[in-house]
Amino acid sequence: MSKICQITGKKSMVGNNVSHSLRRTKRTFDVNLFTKKFYYVEEDCWIVLKVSAAGLRIINRIGLDAALKQAVSKGYVDWKDIAVIG
């Protein structure tokens, strides 16, 4: 799976390293991603998500179920892409 947050849809951006002489070389700005395990109460199981720091704040603010429904409606994640553990 690529470096994309499953809650916010954030992905790596491309920019430039700029040296003191203003020479520019390409670089990537990666997302602050975590592989995090959550207990999904509605399904009574554990799930694994790749979540950014902003995604963790969204889950803490509105809850896991609401965040997942919002991410599915926006197309950031599909229900079959969510890894279910037991």
PDB file of N, CA and C in Angstrom:
ATOM      1  N   MET A   1       0.843  -1.170   0.000  1.00  0.00           N
ATOM      2  CA  MET A   1       0.000   0.000   0.000  1.00  0.00           C
ATOM      3  C   MET A   1       0.896   1.244   0.000  1.00  0.00           C
ATOM      4  N   SER A   2       0.469   2.277  -0.699  1.00  0.00           N
ATOM      5  CA  SER A   2       1.297   3.459  -0.849  1.00  0.00           C
ATOM      6  C   SER A   2       1.221   4.360   0.382  1.00  0.00           C
ATOM      7  N   LYS A   3       1.974   5.444   0.337  1.00  0.00           N
ATOM      8  CA  LYS A   3       2.056   6.365   1.463  1.00  0.00           C
ATOM      9  C   LYS A   3       0.926   7.374   1.405  1.00  0.00           C
ATOM     10  N   ILE A   4      -0.313   6.899   1.637  1.00  0.00           N
ATOM     11  CA  ILE A   4      -1.492   7.749   1.624  1.00  0.00           C
ATOM     12  C   ILE A   4      -2.275   7.503   2.911  1.00  0.00           C
ATOM     13  N   CYS A   5      -2.699   8.572   3.556  1.00  0.00           N
ATOM     14  CA  CYS A   5      -3.519   8.448   4.761  1.00  0.00           C
ATOM     15  C   CYS A   5      -4.903   7.952   4.365  1.00  0.00           C
ATOM     16  N   GLN A   6      -5.403   6.949   5.082  1.00  0.00           N
ATOM     17  CA  GLN A   6      -6.693   6.373   4.759  1.00  0.00           C
ATOM     18  C   GLN A   6      -7.853   7.188   5.322  1.00  0.00           C
ATOM     19  N   ILE A   7      -7.597   8.163   6.162  1.00  0.00           N
ATOM     20  CA  ILE A   7      -8.655   8.988   6.736  1.00  0.00           C
ATOM     21  C   ILE A   7      -8.733  10.348   6.047  1.00  0.00           C
ATOM     22  N   THR A   8      -7.595  11.005   5.848  1.00  0.00           N
ATOM     23  CA  THR A   8      -7.597  12.345   5.270  1.00  0.00           C
ATOM     24  C   THR A   8      -7.273  12.366   3.784  1.00  0.00           C
ATOM     25  N   GLY A   9      -6.679  11.294   3.264  1.00  0.00           N
ATOM     26  CA  GLY A   9      -6.304  11.277   1.853  1.00  0.00           C
ATOM     27  C   GLY A   9      -5.009  12.010   1.554  1.00  0.00           C
ATOM     28  N   LYS A  10      -4.286  12.409   2.578  1.00  0.00           N
ATOM     29  CA  LYS A  10      -3.020  13.112   2.365  1.00  0.00           C
ATOM     30  C   LYS A  10      -2.013  12.168   1.739  1.00  0.00           C
ATOM     31  N   LYS A  11      -1.218  12.687   0.800  1.00  0.00           N
ATOM     32  CA  LYS A  11      -0.159  11.898   0.181  1.00  0.00           C
ATOM     33  C   LYS A  11       1.070  12.767  -0.012  1.00  0.00           C
ATOM     34  N   SER A  12       2.181  12.148  -0.409  1.00  0.00           N
ATOM     35  CA  SER A  12       3.431  12.883  -0.505  1.00  0.00           C
ATOM     36  C   SER A  12       3.366  13.905  -1.629  1.00  0.00           C
ATOM     37  N   MET A  13       4.047  15.027  -1.397  1.00  0.00           N
ATOM     38  CA  MET A  13       4.111  16.110  -2.374  1.00  0.00           C
ATOM     39  C   MET A  13       5.524  16.187  -2.922  1.00  0.00           C
ATOM     40  N   VAL A  14       5.665  16.808  -4.085  1.00  0.00           N
ATOM     41  CA  VAL A  14       6.963  16.973  -4.720  1.00  0.00           C
ATOM     42  C   VAL A  14       7.343  18.439  -4.665  1.00  0.00           C
ATOM     43  N   GLY A  15       8.610  18.689  -4.319  1.00  0.00           N
ATOM     44  CA  GLY A  15       9.097  20.061  -4.251  1.00  0.00           C
ATOM     45  C   GLY A  15      10.568  20.098  -4.596  1.00  0.00           C
ATOM     46  N   ASN A  16      11.240  21.136  -4.174  1.00  0.00           N
ATOM     47  CA  ASN A  16      12.646  21.322  -4.492  1.00  0.00           C
ATOM     48  C   ASN A  16      13.478  21.477  -3.226  1.00  0.00           C
ATOM     49  N   ASN A  17      14.677  20.876  -3.241  1.00  0.00           N
ATOM     50  CA  ASN A  17      15.718  21.254  -2.300  1.00  0.00           C
ATOM     51  C   ASN A  17      16.404  22.468  -2.903  1.00  0.00           C
ATOM     52  N   VAL A  18      16.578  23.520  -2.146  1.00  0.00           N
ATOM     53  CA  VAL A  18      17.215  24.725  -2.653  1.00  0.00           C
ATOM     54  C   VAL A  18      18.488  24.943  -1.852  1.00  0.00           C
ATOM     55  N   SER A  19      19.611  24.875  -2.536  1.00  0.00           N
ATOM     56  CA  SER A  19      20.896  25.041  -1.863  1.00  0.00           C
ATOM     57  C   SER A  19      21.201  26.530  -1.674  1.00  0.00           C
ATOM     58  N   HIS A  20      22.325  26.810  -1.038  1.00  0.00           N
ATOM     59  CA  HIS A  20      22.720  28.193  -0.783  1.00  0.00           C
ATOM     60  C   HIS A  20      22.956  28.944  -2.095  1.00  0.00           C
ATOM     61  N   SER A  21      23.404  28.212  -3.115  1.00  0.00           N
ATOM     62  CA  SER A  21      23.632  28.833  -4.426  1.00  0.00           C
ATOM     63  C   SER A  21      22.365  28.854  -5.277  1.00  0.00           C
ATOM     64  N   LEU A  22      21.229  28.507  -4.658  1.00  0.00           N
ATOM     65  CA  LEU A  22      19.909  28.478  -5.298  1.00  0.00           C
ATOM     66  C   LEU A  22      19.784  27.413  -6.383  1.00  0.00           C
ATOM     67  N   ARG A  23      20.628  26.409  -6.344  1.00  0.00           N
ATOM     68  CA  ARG A  23      20.482  25.270  -7.252  1.00  0.00           C
ATOM     69  C   ARG A  23      19.328  24.407  -6.725  1.00  0.00           C
ATOM     70  N   ARG A  24      18.432  24.004  -7.621  1.00  0.00           N
ATOM     71  CA  ARG A  24      17.236  23.273  -7.213  1.00  0.00           C
ATOM     72  C   ARG A  24      17.301  21.827  -7.675  1.00  0.00           C
ATOM     73  N   THR A  25      17.039  20.915  -6.743  1.00  0.00           N
ATOM     74  CA  THR A  25      16.936  19.495  -7.060  1.00  0.00           C
ATOM     75  C   THR A  25      15.626  18.982  -6.485  1.00  0.00           C
ATOM     76  N   LYS A  26      15.034  18.006  -7.172  1.00  0.00           N
ATOM     77  CA  LYS A  26      13.730  17.495  -6.766  1.00  0.00           C
ATOM     78  C   LYS A  26      13.821  16.701  -5.463  1.00  0.00           C
ATOM     79  N   ARG A  27      12.764  16.777  -4.675  1.00  0.00           N
ATOM     80  CA  ARG A  27      12.653  15.998  -3.448  1.00  0.00           C
ATOM     81  C   ARG A  27      11.180  15.756  -3.175  1.00  0.00           C
ATOM     82  N   THR A  28      10.896  14.844  -2.240  1.00  0.00           N
ATOM     83  CA  THR A  28       9.507  14.592  -1.866  1.00  0.00           C
ATOM     84  C   THR A  28       9.302  14.980  -0.407  1.00  0.00           C
ATOM     85  N   PHE A  29       8.122  15.510  -0.129  1.00  0.00           N
ATOM     86  CA  PHE A  29       7.694  15.796   1.222  1.00  0.00           C
ATOM     87  C   PHE A  29       6.735  14.677   1.610  1.00  0.00           C
ATOM     88  N   ASP A  30       7.196  13.758   2.449  1.00  0.00           N
ATOM     89  CA  ASP A  30       6.374  12.613   2.826  1.00  0.00           C
ATOM     90  C   ASP A  30       5.386  12.971   3.924  1.00  0.00           C
ATOM     91  N   VAL A  31       4.341  12.171   4.017  1.00  0.00           N
ATOM     92  CA  VAL A  31       3.297  12.367   5.023  1.00  0.00           C
ATOM     93  C   VAL A  31       3.754  11.740   6.332  1.00  0.00           C
ATOM     94  N   ASN A  32       3.316  12.298   7.433  1.00  0.00           N
ATOM     95  CA  ASN A  32       3.631  11.775   8.757  1.00  0.00           C
ATOM     96  C   ASN A  32       2.672  10.614   9.051  1.00  0.00           C
ATOM     97  N   LEU A  33       2.990   9.418   8.514  1.00  0.00           N
ATOM     98  CA  LEU A  33       2.082   8.271   8.586  1.00  0.00           C
ATOM     99  C   LEU A  33       2.439   7.325   9.716  1.00  0.00           C
ATOM    100  N   PHE A  34       1.402   6.729  10.299  1.00  0.00           N
ATOM    101  CA  PHE A  34       1.538   5.695  11.309  1.00  0.00           C
ATOM    102  C   PHE A  34       0.685   4.506  10.909  1.00  0.00           C
ATOM    103  N   THR A  35       1.161   3.307  11.158  1.00  0.00           N
ATOM    104  CA  THR A  35       0.332   2.119  11.040  1.00  0.00           C
ATOM    105  C   THR A  35      -0.252   1.866  12.424  1.00  0.00           C
ATOM    106  N   LYS A  36      -1.543   2.068  12.554  1.00  0.00           N
ATOM    107  CA  LYS A  36      -2.183   2.093  13.874  1.00  0.00           C
ATOM    108  C   LYS A  36      -3.308   1.077  13.915  1.00  0.00           C
ATOM    109  N   LYS A  37      -3.430   0.418  15.066  1.00  0.00           N
ATOM    110  CA  LYS A  37      -4.477  -0.572  15.274  1.00  0.00           C
ATOM    111  C   LYS A  37      -5.579   0.065  16.119  1.00  0.00           C
ATOM    112  N   PHE A  38      -6.842  -0.038  15.658  1.00  0.00           N
ATOM    113  CA  PHE A  38      -7.987   0.526  16.352  1.00  0.00           C
ATOM    114  C   PHE A  38      -8.985  -0.576  16.654  1.00  0.00           C
ATOM    115  N   TYR A  39      -9.700  -0.437  17.759  1.00  0.00           N
ATOM    116  CA  TYR A  39     -10.795  -1.347  18.062  1.00  0.00           C
ATOM    117  C   TYR A  39     -12.071  -0.738  17.512  1.00  0.00           C
ATOM    118  N   TYR A  40     -12.695  -1.420  16.552  1.00  0.00           N
ATOM    119  CA  TYR A  40     -13.907  -0.936  15.888  1.00  0.00           C
ATOM    120  C   TYR A  40     -15.106  -1.537  16.602  1.00  0.00           C
ATOM    121  N   VAL A  41     -15.739  -0.737  17.449  1.00  0.00           N
ATOM    122  CA  VAL A  41     -16.788  -1.220  18.348  1.00  0.00           C
ATOM    123  C   VAL A  41     -18.006  -1.716  17.564  1.00  0.00           C
ATOM    124  N   GLU A  42     -18.373  -1.026  16.486  1.00  0.00           N
ATOM    125  CA  GLU A  42     -19.571  -1.375  15.727  1.00  0.00           C
ATOM    126  C   GLU A  42     -19.479  -2.774  15.115  1.00  0.00           C
ATOM    127  N   GLU A  43     -18.279  -3.187  14.716  1.00  0.00           N
ATOM    128  CA  GLU A  43     -18.085  -4.519  14.132  1.00  0.00           C
ATOM    129  C   GLU A  43     -17.482  -5.511  15.126  1.00  0.00           C
ATOM    130  N   ASP A  44     -17.129  -5.046  16.327  1.00  0.00           N
ATOM    131  CA  ASP A  44     -16.538  -5.875  17.380  1.00  0.00           C
ATOM    132  C   ASP A  44     -15.268  -6.571  16.897  1.00  0.00           C
ATOM    133  N   CYS A  45     -14.341  -5.789  16.322  1.00  0.00           N
ATOM    134  CA  CYS A  45     -13.087  -6.350  15.815  1.00  0.00           C
ATOM    135  C   CYS A  45     -12.012  -5.261  15.840  1.00  0.00           C
ATOM    136  N   TRP A  46     -10.786  -5.686  15.625  1.00  0.00           N
ATOM    137  CA  TRP A  46      -9.653  -4.775  15.508  1.00  0.00           C
ATOM    138  C   TRP A  46      -9.394  -4.524  14.029  1.00  0.00           C
ATOM    139  N   ILE A  47      -9.057  -3.270  13.669  1.00  0.00           N
ATOM    140  CA  ILE A  47      -8.704  -2.943  12.294  1.00  0.00           C
ATOM    141  C   ILE A  47      -7.369  -2.217  12.294  1.00  0.00           C
ATOM    142  N   VAL A  48      -6.659  -2.312  11.185  1.00  0.00           N
ATOM    143  CA  VAL A  48      -5.372  -1.651  11.022  1.00  0.00           C
ATOM    144  C   VAL A  48      -5.517  -0.598   9.930  1.00  0.00           C
ATOM    145  N   LEU A  49      -5.118   0.628  10.250  1.00  0.00           N
ATOM    146  CA  LEU A  49      -5.197   1.727   9.292  1.00  0.00           C
ATOM    147  C   LEU A  49      -3.843   2.405   9.185  1.00  0.00           C
ATOM    148  N   LYS A  50      -3.551   2.944   7.994  1.00  0.00           N
ATOM    149  CA  LYS A  50      -2.414   3.840   7.820  1.00  0.00           C
ATOM    150  C   LYS A  50      -2.956   5.249   7.942  1.00  0.00           C
ATOM    151  N   VAL A  51      -2.595   5.912   9.052  1.00  0.00           N
ATOM    152  CA  VAL A  51      -3.206   7.179   9.411  1.00  0.00           C
ATOM    153  C   VAL A  51      -2.117   8.228   9.616  1.00  0.00           C
ATOM    154  N   SER A  52      -2.370   9.443   9.140  1.00  0.00           N
ATOM    155  CA  SER A  52      -1.464  10.551   9.402  1.00  0.00           C
ATOM    156  C   SER A  52      -1.754  11.130  10.782  1.00  0.00           C
ATOM    157  N   ALA A  53      -0.912  12.039  11.216  1.00  0.00           N
ATOM    158  CA  ALA A  53      -1.126  12.677  12.515  1.00  0.00           C
ATOM    159  C   ALA A  53      -2.427  13.468  12.507  1.00  0.00           C
ATOM    160  N   ALA A  54      -2.745  14.111  11.406  1.00  0.00           N
ATOM    161  CA  ALA A  54      -4.015  14.840  11.294  1.00  0.00           C
ATOM    162  C   ALA A  54      -5.190  13.867  11.310  1.00  0.00           C
ATOM    163  N   GLY A  55      -5.005  12.691  10.718  1.00  0.00           N
ATOM    164  CA  GLY A  55      -6.054  11.676  10.738  1.00  0.00           C
ATOM    165  C   GLY A  55      -6.334  11.169  12.141  1.00  0.00           C
ATOM    166  N   LEU A  56      -5.285  11.030  12.955  1.00  0.00           N
ATOM    167  CA  LEU A  56      -5.467  10.628  14.346  1.00  0.00           C
ATOM    168  C   LEU A  56      -6.277  11.671  15.114  1.00  0.00           C
ATOM    169  N   ARG A  57      -6.021  12.944  14.836  1.00  0.00           N
ATOM    170  CA  ARG A  57      -6.765  14.010  15.503  1.00  0.00           C
ATOM    171  C   ARG A  57      -8.235  13.982  15.083  1.00  0.00           C
ATOM    172  N   ILE A  58      -8.495  13.681  13.812  1.00  0.00           N
ATOM    173  CA  ILE A  58      -9.884  13.593  13.344  1.00  0.00           C
ATOM    174  C   ILE A  58     -10.599  12.432  14.027  1.00  0.00           C
ATOM    175  N   ILE A  59      -9.915  11.285  14.135  1.00  0.00           N
ATOM    176  CA  ILE A  59     -10.523  10.128  14.803  1.00  0.00           C
ATOM    177  C   ILE A  59     -10.792  10.439  16.264  1.00  0.00           C
ATOM    178  N   ASN A  60      -9.891  11.123  16.929  1.00  0.00           N
ATOM    179  CA  ASN A  60     -10.108  11.501  18.332  1.00  0.00           C
ATOM    180  C   ASN A  60     -11.259  12.495  18.474  1.00  0.00           C
ATOM    181  N   ARG A  61     -11.436  13.356  17.482  1.00  0.00           N
ATOM    182  CA  ARG A  61     -12.453  14.400  17.577  1.00  0.00           C
ATOM    183  C   ARG A  61     -13.862  13.882  17.260  1.00  0.00           C
ATOM    184  N   ILE A  62     -14.021  13.141  16.134  1.00  0.00           N
ATOM    185  CA  ILE A  62     -15.370  12.742  15.723  1.00  0.00           C
ATOM    186  C   ILE A  62     -15.654  11.261  15.913  1.00  0.00           C
ATOM    187  N   GLY A  63     -14.644  10.478  16.254  1.00  0.00           N
ATOM    188  CA  GLY A  63     -14.837   9.052  16.476  1.00  0.00           C
ATOM    189  C   GLY A  63     -14.442   8.229  15.266  1.00  0.00           C
ATOM    190  N   LEU A  64     -14.134   6.956  15.498  1.00  0.00           N
ATOM    191  CA  LEU A  64     -13.639   6.073  14.442  1.00  0.00           C
ATOM    192  C   LEU A  64     -14.709   5.798  13.395  1.00  0.00           C
ATOM    193  N   ASP A  65     -15.929   5.499  13.824  1.00  0.00           N
ATOM    194  CA  ASP A  65     -16.984   5.141  12.875  1.00  0.00           C
ATOM    195  C   ASP A  65     -17.313   6.311  11.960  1.00  0.00           C
ATOM    196  N   ALA A  66     -17.448   7.504  12.522  1.00  0.00           N
ATOM    197  CA  ALA A  66     -17.764   8.684  11.711  1.00  0.00           C
ATOM    198  C   ALA A  66     -16.612   9.034  10.772  1.00  0.00           C
ATOM    199  N   ALA A  67     -15.371   8.870  11.244  1.00  0.00           N
ATOM    200  CA  ALA A  67     -14.216   9.172  10.403  1.00  0.00           C
ATOM    201  C   ALA A  67     -14.123   8.190   9.236  1.00  0.00           C
ATOM    202  N   LEU A  68     -14.396   6.895   9.491  1.00  0.00           N
ATOM    203  CA  LEU A  68     -14.369   5.907   8.417  1.00  0.00           C
ATOM    204  C   LEU A  68     -15.477   6.171   7.399  1.00  0.00           C
ATOM    205  N   LYS A  69     -16.671   6.495   7.865  1.00  0.00           N
ATOM    206  CA  LYS A  69     -17.770   6.787   6.939  1.00  0.00           C
ATOM    207  C   LYS A  69     -17.470   8.014   6.093  1.00  0.00           C
ATOM    208  N   GLN A  70     -16.857   9.021   6.701  1.00  0.00           N
ATOM    209  CA  GLN A  70     -16.489  10.228   5.981  1.00  0.00           C
ATOM    210  C   GLN A  70     -15.406   9.929   4.940  1.00  0.00           C
ATOM    211  N   ALA A  71     -14.419   9.104   5.297  1.00  0.00           N
ATOM    212  CA  ALA A  71     -13.340   8.758   4.373  1.00  0.00           C
ATOM    213  C   ALA A  71     -13.859   7.923   3.206  1.00  0.00           C
ATOM    214  N   VAL A  72     -14.800   7.019   3.466  1.00  0.00           N
ATOM    215  CA  VAL A  72     -15.372   6.200   2.392  1.00  0.00           C
ATOM    216  C   VAL A  72     -16.203   7.071   1.457  1.00  0.00           C
ATOM    217  N   SER A  73     -16.957   8.005   2.009  1.00  0.00           N
ATOM    218  CA  SER A  73     -17.789   8.859   1.159  1.00  0.00           C
ATOM    219  C   SER A  73     -16.950   9.782   0.279  1.00  0.00           C
ATOM    220  N   LYS A  74     -15.784  10.202   0.786  1.00  0.00           N
ATOM    221  CA  LYS A  74     -14.900  11.057  -0.006  1.00  0.00           C
ATOM    222  C   LYS A  74     -13.999  10.251  -0.941  1.00  0.00           C
ATOM    223  N   GLY A  75     -13.983   8.925  -0.793  1.00  0.00           N
ATOM    224  CA  GLY A  75     -13.213   8.077  -1.689  1.00  0.00           C
ATOM    225  C   GLY A  75     -11.772   7.854  -1.283  1.00  0.00           C
ATOM    226  N   TYR A  76     -11.407   8.164  -0.028  1.00  0.00           N
ATOM    227  CA  TYR A  76     -10.033   7.975   0.419  1.00  0.00           C
ATOM    228  C   TYR A  76      -9.725   6.510   0.720  1.00  0.00           C
ATOM    229  N   VAL A  77     -10.733   5.752   1.105  1.00  0.00           N
ATOM    230  CA  VAL A  77     -10.539   4.348   1.459  1.00  0.00           C
ATOM    231  C   VAL A  77     -11.808   3.594   1.072  1.00  0.00           C
ATOM    232  N   ASP A  78     -11.639   2.305   0.800  1.00  0.00           N
ATOM    233  CA  ASP A  78     -12.779   1.446   0.517  1.00  0.00           C
ATOM    234  C   ASP A  78     -12.878   0.440   1.654  1.00  0.00           C
ATOM    235  N   TRP A  79     -14.086  -0.031   1.920  1.00  0.00           N
ATOM    236  CA  TRP A  79     -14.276  -0.963   3.035  1.00  0.00           C
ATOM    237  C   TRP A  79     -13.434  -2.219   2.871  1.00  0.00           C
ATOM    238  N   LYS A  80     -13.176  -2.653   1.640  1.00  0.00           N
ATOM    239  CA  LYS A  80     -12.396  -3.882   1.437  1.00  0.00           C
ATOM    240  C   LYS A  80     -10.906  -3.653   1.665  1.00  0.00           C
ATOM    241  N   ASP A  81     -10.454  -2.374   1.682  1.00  0.00           N
ATOM    242  CA  ASP A  81      -9.040  -2.067   1.917  1.00  0.00           C
ATOM    243  C   ASP A  81      -8.678  -2.001   3.392  1.00  0.00           C
ATOM    244  N   ILE A  82      -9.671  -2.042   4.263  1.00  0.00           N
ATOM    245  CA  ILE A  82      -9.417  -1.960   5.699  1.00  0.00           C
ATOM    246  C   ILE A  82      -9.077  -3.360   6.211  1.00  0.00           C
ATOM    247  N   ALA A  83      -7.885  -3.493   6.793  1.00  0.00           N
ATOM    248  CA  ALA A  83      -7.419  -4.787   7.280  1.00  0.00           C
ATOM    249  C   ALA A  83      -8.097  -5.113   8.612  1.00  0.00           C
ATOM    250  N   VAL A  84      -8.799  -6.230   8.669  1.00  0.00           N
ATOM    251  CA  VAL A  84      -9.509  -6.641   9.873  1.00  0.00           C
ATOM    252  C   VAL A  84      -8.685  -7.725  10.575  1.00  0.00           C
ATOM    253  N   ILE A  85      -8.477  -7.548  11.869  1.00  0.00           N
ATOM    254  CA  ILE A  85      -7.753  -8.541  12.668  1.00  0.00           C
ATOM    255  C   ILE A  85      -8.762  -9.185  13.615  1.00  0.00           C
ATOM    256  N   GLY A  86      -9.001 -10.469  13.437  1.00  0.00           N
ATOM    257  CA  GLY A  86      -9.851 -11.270  14.310  1.00  0.00           C
ATOM    258  C   GLY A  86     -11.056 -10.603  14.774  1.00  0.00           C
TER     259      GLY A  86
END
